[in-house]
C-alpha cells in the first residue's frame, strides 16, 4: 500500500497592485538601480573597511545599514513587480487616482493635493495616498462636496473646490 505524502505548500497571496504615476515610477526605478549598484558597492567597501571583531560598533552599524539597504531593495522590487500607471487626463468630474484636488478647510486657505498610490505619497510635495484618511474621503467626490475625516483632534471638514 502506498502512502500519500502531504506536502505543505507555502500560500502565496496575490501581490498588491501598486498604483503609480509615470514620474513616480521613474523615481522608484532610479532608486532601485542606485541601491543595487552604487550603494551596494559602497556598503560592501564600508563593511570591508570596518571588518574586525564582532563587537566593533562601527562594523555592527554597517551591518545594520546593509540590512536596511537590502530591505529597501526587496521592497522596491515588490512594488515594481505589479504596478499600474495612473493615467491623468480623463476628468470625469469626480476625484479619482491621479486627480489634482483643491480643498478648503472651514474658511482657511485652499490646499492642493494630487491623489496617488501609497508608493509615491509625499504630503510635503502635495502627493497624498488614495489609502490615507483624506485621500479615501476625497475619492469619488466632486466640486462642491463636503467631506469629513476623523482625526486625533476630532472631525475635520473640507469642501472640494476644484478637481483637475
Protein backbone atom coordinates (compact mmCIF):
# COMPACT_ATOMS: atom_id res chain seq x y z
CA UNK A 1 0.00 0.00 0.00
CA UNK A 2 1.39 3.41 -0.99
CA UNK A 3 1.18 6.25 1.44
CA UNK A 4 0.44 9.69 0.12
CA UNK A 5 2.66 12.40 1.41
CA UNK A 6 1.09 15.67 2.17
CA UNK A 7 3.36 18.47 1.09
CA UNK A 8 2.79 21.73 2.85
CA UNK A 9 2.85 24.44 0.26
CA UNK A 10 3.53 27.99 1.02
CA UNK A 11 0.45 30.02 0.27
CA UNK A 12 1.23 33.00 -1.90
CA UNK A 13 -1.23 35.81 -1.80
CA UNK A 14 -1.55 37.82 -4.96
CA UNK A 15 0.85 40.75 -4.95
CA UNK A 16 -0.86 44.01 -4.16
CA UNK A 17 -1.19 46.23 -7.19
CA UNK A 18 0.92 49.39 -6.97
CA UNK A 19 -0.73 52.47 -8.48
CA UNK A 20 1.87 54.97 -9.58
CA UNK A 21 2.37 57.88 -11.95
CA UNK A 22 4.96 57.73 -14.72
CA UNK A 23 7.09 60.23 -12.81
CA UNK A 24 6.82 58.20 -9.60
CA UNK A 25 7.71 55.01 -11.48
CA UNK A 26 10.85 56.66 -12.83
CA UNK A 27 11.88 57.71 -9.32
CA UNK A 28 11.41 54.20 -7.94
CA UNK A 29 13.32 52.61 -10.84
CA UNK A 30 16.16 55.11 -10.39
CA UNK A 31 16.28 54.46 -6.63
CA UNK A 32 16.35 50.70 -7.17
CA UNK A 33 19.13 51.00 -9.73
CA UNK A 34 21.17 53.24 -7.39
CA UNK A 35 20.73 50.88 -4.45
CA UNK A 36 21.59 47.77 -6.47
CA UNK A 37 24.74 49.26 -7.95
CA UNK A 38 26.38 52.24 -6.29
CA UNK A 39 25.02 51.86 -2.77
CA UNK A 40 25.67 48.10 -2.58
CA UNK A 41 29.30 48.60 -3.69
CA UNK A 42 29.71 51.47 -1.24
CA UNK A 43 28.32 49.34 1.61
CA UNK A 44 30.48 46.39 0.64
CA UNK A 45 33.58 48.56 0.84
CA UNK A 46 32.43 50.09 4.12
CA UNK A 47 31.87 46.62 5.62
CA UNK A 48 35.30 45.52 4.44
CA UNK A 49 36.90 48.63 5.96
CA UNK A 50 35.18 48.14 9.31
CA UNK A 51 35.58 44.37 9.48
CA UNK A 52 37.25 43.27 12.63
CA UNK A 53 35.95 41.98 15.86
CA UNK A 54 32.26 41.16 16.01
CA UNK A 55 31.81 43.62 18.89
CA UNK A 56 33.15 46.53 16.85
CA UNK A 57 30.27 49.02 16.94
CA UNK A 58 31.13 50.64 13.60
CA UNK A 59 31.03 47.23 11.92
CA UNK A 60 27.69 46.40 13.57
CA UNK A 61 26.26 49.72 12.42
CA UNK A 62 27.48 48.99 8.89
CA UNK A 63 25.75 45.59 9.02
CA UNK A 64 22.51 47.29 10.06
CA UNK A 65 22.84 49.79 7.21
CA UNK A 66 23.41 46.95 4.78
CA UNK A 67 20.30 45.15 6.07
CA UNK A 68 18.29 48.34 5.62
CA UNK A 69 19.51 48.76 2.04
CA UNK A 70 18.73 45.13 1.19
CA UNK A 71 15.29 45.52 2.76
CA UNK A 72 14.58 48.63 0.69
CA UNK A 73 15.75 46.82 -2.47
CA UNK A 74 13.37 43.96 -1.66
CA UNK A 75 10.52 46.43 -1.01
CA UNK A 76 11.12 48.27 -4.31
CA UNK A 77 11.30 45.00 -6.24
CA UNK A 78 7.93 44.05 -4.75
CA UNK A 79 6.37 47.39 -5.65
CA UNK A 80 7.69 47.22 -9.20
CA UNK A 81 6.66 43.60 -9.73
CA UNK A 82 2.98 44.51 -10.10
CA UNK A 83 2.13 48.10 -10.94
CA UNK A 84 -0.36 50.09 -12.94
CA UNK A 85 0.40 53.55 -14.27
CA UNK A 86 -2.04 56.25 -13.19
CA UNK A 87 -3.05 57.98 -16.40
CA UNK A 88 -4.06 61.60 -15.89
CA UNK A 89 -6.42 63.21 -18.30
CA UNK A 90 -9.91 61.75 -18.34
CA UNK A 91 -11.59 64.13 -15.91
CA UNK A 92 -14.99 62.74 -15.08
CA UNK A 93 -15.58 65.49 -12.54
CA UNK A 94 -15.16 63.01 -9.69
CA UNK A 95 -11.97 62.68 -7.66
CA UNK A 96 -10.03 59.57 -8.68
CA UNK A 97 -6.46 58.31 -8.67
CA UNK A 98 -4.38 60.89 -10.50
CA UNK A 99 -6.78 63.77 -9.82
CA UNK A 100 -5.45 67.05 -8.53
CA UNK A 101 -7.89 68.37 -5.96
CA UNK A 102 -8.20 71.80 -4.39
CA UNK A 103 -9.81 71.74 -0.95
CA UNK A 104 -10.64 74.32 1.70
CA UNK A 105 -10.97 73.69 5.41
CA UNK A 106 -13.50 75.94 7.18
CA UNK A 107 -12.54 79.33 5.73
CA UNK A 108 -8.79 78.70 5.68
CA UNK A 109 -6.56 79.00 2.60
CA UNK A 110 -7.02 76.39 -0.09
CA UNK A 111 -4.73 73.37 -0.27
CA UNK A 112 -3.94 71.39 -3.41
CA UNK A 113 -3.24 67.65 -3.46
CA UNK A 114 -2.77 65.02 -6.13
CA UNK A 115 -4.17 61.58 -5.33
CA UNK A 116 -1.51 58.91 -5.92
CA UNK A 117 -0.77 55.37 -4.79
CA UNK A 118 0.98 54.73 -1.49
CA UNK A 119 4.33 54.05 -3.19
CA UNK A 120 4.84 57.69 -4.13
CA UNK A 121 2.80 59.52 -1.50
CA UNK A 122 4.60 62.56 -0.12
CA UNK A 123 2.28 65.07 1.56
CA UNK A 124 5.03 67.73 1.68
CA UNK A 125 5.01 67.67 -2.12
CA UNK A 126 1.21 67.65 -2.30
CA UNK A 127 1.02 63.93 -3.15
CA UNK A 128 -1.38 62.03 -0.91
CA UNK A 129 -2.19 58.36 -0.94
CA UNK A 130 -5.56 57.06 -2.01
CA UNK A 131 -5.38 54.96 1.19
CA UNK A 132 -4.80 57.90 3.54
CA UNK A 133 -7.82 59.17 5.51
CA UNK A 134 -8.01 62.37 3.43
CA UNK A 135 -7.37 60.54 0.15
CA UNK A 136 -10.08 57.96 0.90
CA UNK A 137 -12.55 60.67 1.87
CA UNK A 138 -11.93 62.59 -1.38
CA UNK A 139 -12.28 59.64 -3.76
CA UNK A 140 -15.48 59.82 -5.85
CA UNK A 141 -16.27 63.31 -4.53
CA UNK A 142 -16.94 66.22 -6.87
CA UNK A 143 -16.70 70.01 -6.75
CA UNK A 144 -18.91 71.42 -4.00
CA UNK A 145 -18.97 68.24 -1.93
CA UNK A 146 -18.19 68.47 1.76
CA UNK A 147 -16.06 65.70 3.19
CA UNK A 148 -15.13 64.79 6.73
CA UNK A 149 -12.22 62.90 8.18
CA UNK A 150 -11.77 61.65 11.71
CA UNK A 151 -8.51 62.98 13.10
CA UNK A 152 -6.99 62.53 16.56
CA UNK A 153 -8.20 66.04 17.46
CA UNK A 154 -11.73 65.39 16.19
CA UNK A 155 -13.61 65.61 12.92
CA UNK A 156 -12.16 67.90 10.25
CA UNK A 157 -14.42 69.17 7.45
CA UNK A 158 -13.27 70.12 3.97
CA UNK A 159 -15.01 71.35 0.84
CA UNK A 160 -13.91 70.24 -2.64
CA UNK A 161 -13.19 73.49 -4.52
CA UNK A 162 -11.78 72.12 -7.79
CA UNK A 163 -10.95 68.79 -9.44
CA UNK A 164 -8.48 68.57 -12.31
